[in-house]
């Protein structure tokens, strides 16, 4: 699978999950979705990237395109490091 195919697959997974979320609401209007989505996506993103970066925060930060200190703060927030 190419990088563009992988990106499209991730996008489709997110789209399908959001459609399921709305279906499960059964007409109830959602609130604060943006923050909720960021929270539920960020933790597994950080967890998987750290695993593939062999827990190397500098490498993971580079891959994510964020500052290492920002990564460290987010890892602590999500209780992925002590």
C-alpha atoms as a PDB file:
ATOM      1  CA  UNK A   1       0.000   0.000   0.000  1.00  0.00           C
ATOM      2  CA  UNK A   2       1.409   3.380  -0.986  1.00  0.00           C
ATOM      3  CA  UNK A   3       1.606   6.378   1.332  1.00  0.00           C
ATOM      4  CA  UNK A   4      -1.297   8.078  -0.456  1.00  0.00           C
ATOM      5  CA  UNK A   5      -3.374   4.888  -0.187  1.00  0.00           C
ATOM      6  CA  UNK A   6      -2.558   4.673   3.529  1.00  0.00           C
ATOM      7  CA  UNK A   7      -3.623   8.293   4.061  1.00  0.00           C
ATOM      8  CA  UNK A   8      -6.857   7.636   2.173  1.00  0.00           C
ATOM      9  CA  UNK A   9      -7.487   4.521   4.276  1.00  0.00           C
ATOM     10  CA  UNK A  10      -7.005   6.476   7.521  1.00  0.00           C
ATOM     11  CA  UNK A  11      -9.335   9.186   6.234  1.00  0.00           C
ATOM     12  CA  UNK A  12     -11.972   6.572   5.356  1.00  0.00           C
ATOM     13  CA  UNK A  13     -11.664   4.998   8.833  1.00  0.00           C
ATOM     14  CA  UNK A  14     -12.186   8.389  10.463  1.00  0.00           C
ATOM     15  CA  UNK A  15     -15.130   9.156   8.195  1.00  0.00           C
ATOM     16  CA  UNK A  16     -16.753   5.769   8.938  1.00  0.00           C
ATOM     17  CA  UNK A  17     -16.220   6.231  12.681  1.00  0.00           C
ATOM     18  CA  UNK A  18     -17.812   9.684  12.569  1.00  0.00           C
ATOM     19  CA  UNK A  19     -20.803   8.352  10.637  1.00  0.00           C
ATOM     20  CA  UNK A  20     -21.211   5.639  13.282  1.00  0.00           C
ATOM     21  CA  UNK A  21     -20.909   8.275  16.027  1.00  0.00           C
ATOM     22  CA  UNK A  22     -23.759  10.301  14.500  1.00  0.00           C
ATOM     23  CA  UNK A  23     -25.852   7.172  13.990  1.00  0.00           C
ATOM     24  CA  UNK A  24     -25.340   6.207  17.645  1.00  0.00           C
ATOM     25  CA  UNK A  25     -26.505   9.669  18.762  1.00  0.00           C
ATOM     26  CA  UNK A  26     -29.972   8.833  17.379  1.00  0.00           C
ATOM     27  CA  UNK A  27     -30.846  12.458  16.696  1.00  0.00           C
ATOM     28  CA  UNK A  28     -29.261  13.968  19.794  1.00  0.00           C
ATOM     29  CA  UNK A  29     -27.168  16.974  18.833  1.00  0.00           C
ATOM     30  CA  UNK A  30     -23.469  16.602  19.625  1.00  0.00           C
ATOM     31  CA  UNK A  31     -21.483  19.174  21.571  1.00  0.00           C
ATOM     32  CA  UNK A  32     -17.768  20.056  21.623  1.00  0.00           C
ATOM     33  CA  UNK A  33     -16.995  17.506  18.922  1.00  0.00           C
ATOM     34  CA  UNK A  34     -13.767  19.127  17.819  1.00  0.00           C
ATOM     35  CA  UNK A  35     -12.109  18.778  21.225  1.00  0.00           C
ATOM     36  CA  UNK A  36     -13.536  15.271  21.693  1.00  0.00           C
ATOM     37  CA  UNK A  37     -12.153  14.101  18.355  1.00  0.00           C
ATOM     38  CA  UNK A  38      -8.732  15.598  19.062  1.00  0.00           C
ATOM     39  CA  UNK A  39      -8.620  13.840  22.453  1.00  0.00           C
ATOM     40  CA  UNK A  40      -9.618  10.422  21.130  1.00  0.00           C
ATOM     41  CA  UNK A  41      -7.280  10.575  18.131  1.00  0.00           C
ATOM     42  CA  UNK A  42      -4.239  12.126  19.800  1.00  0.00           C
ATOM     43  CA  UNK A  43      -3.585   9.439  22.410  1.00  0.00           C
ATOM     44  CA  UNK A  44      -3.434   6.442  20.028  1.00  0.00           C
ATOM     45  CA  UNK A  45      -1.470   8.562  17.542  1.00  0.00           C
ATOM     46  CA  UNK A  46       1.168   9.363  20.156  1.00  0.00           C
ATOM     47  CA  UNK A  47       1.204   5.812  21.495  1.00  0.00           C
ATOM     48  CA  UNK A  48       1.746   4.195  18.083  1.00  0.00           C
ATOM     49  CA  UNK A  49       4.312   6.757  16.925  1.00  0.00           C
ATOM     50  CA  UNK A  50       6.308   6.354  20.138  1.00  0.00           C
ATOM     51  CA  UNK A  51       6.248   2.575  19.713  1.00  0.00           C
ATOM     52  CA  UNK A  52       7.540   2.801  16.135  1.00  0.00           C
ATOM     53  CA  UNK A  53      10.142   5.379  17.172  1.00  0.00           C
ATOM     54  CA  UNK A  54      11.407   2.949  19.845  1.00  0.00           C
ATOM     55  CA  UNK A  55      10.321   5.437  22.554  1.00  0.00           C
ATOM     56  CA  UNK A  56      12.738   8.026  21.146  1.00  0.00           C
ATOM     57  CA  UNK A  57      10.952  11.326  21.787  1.00  0.00           C
ATOM     58  CA  UNK A  58      13.178  13.366  19.472  1.00  0.00           C
ATOM     59  CA  UNK A  59      12.552  10.999  16.571  1.00  0.00           C
ATOM     60  CA  UNK A  60       8.817  10.832  17.310  1.00  0.00           C
ATOM     61  CA  UNK A  61       8.585  14.628  17.506  1.00  0.00           C
ATOM     62  CA  UNK A  62      10.328  14.892  14.123  1.00  0.00           C
ATOM     63  CA  UNK A  63       7.932  12.367  12.591  1.00  0.00           C
ATOM     64  CA  UNK A  64       4.943  14.228  14.020  1.00  0.00           C
ATOM     65  CA  UNK A  65       6.282  17.625  12.976  1.00  0.00           C
ATOM     66  CA  UNK A  66       6.054  19.020  16.492  1.00  0.00           C
ATOM     67  CA  UNK A  67       8.523  20.325  19.059  1.00  0.00           C
ATOM     68  CA  UNK A  68       9.977  17.691  21.415  1.00  0.00           C
ATOM     69  CA  UNK A  69       8.802  19.676  24.452  1.00  0.00           C
ATOM     70  CA  UNK A  70       5.275  19.746  23.023  1.00  0.00           C
ATOM     71  CA  UNK A  71       5.432  15.989  22.504  1.00  0.00           C
ATOM     72  CA  UNK A  72       6.658  15.459  26.053  1.00  0.00           C
ATOM     73  CA  UNK A  73       3.801  17.588  27.439  1.00  0.00           C
ATOM     74  CA  UNK A  74       1.235  15.670  25.400  1.00  0.00           C
ATOM     75  CA  UNK A  75       2.692  12.310  26.483  1.00  0.00           C
ATOM     76  CA  UNK A  76       2.362  13.357  30.126  1.00  0.00           C
ATOM     77  CA  UNK A  77      -1.193  14.682  29.554  1.00  0.00           C
ATOM     78  CA  UNK A  78      -2.221  11.333  28.076  1.00  0.00           C
ATOM     79  CA  UNK A  79      -0.351   9.408  30.797  1.00  0.00           C
ATOM     80  CA  UNK A  80       1.886   7.732  28.231  1.00  0.00           C
ATOM     81  CA  UNK A  81       5.013   8.614  30.252  1.00  0.00           C
ATOM     82  CA  UNK A  82       5.675   9.516  33.847  1.00  0.00           C
END
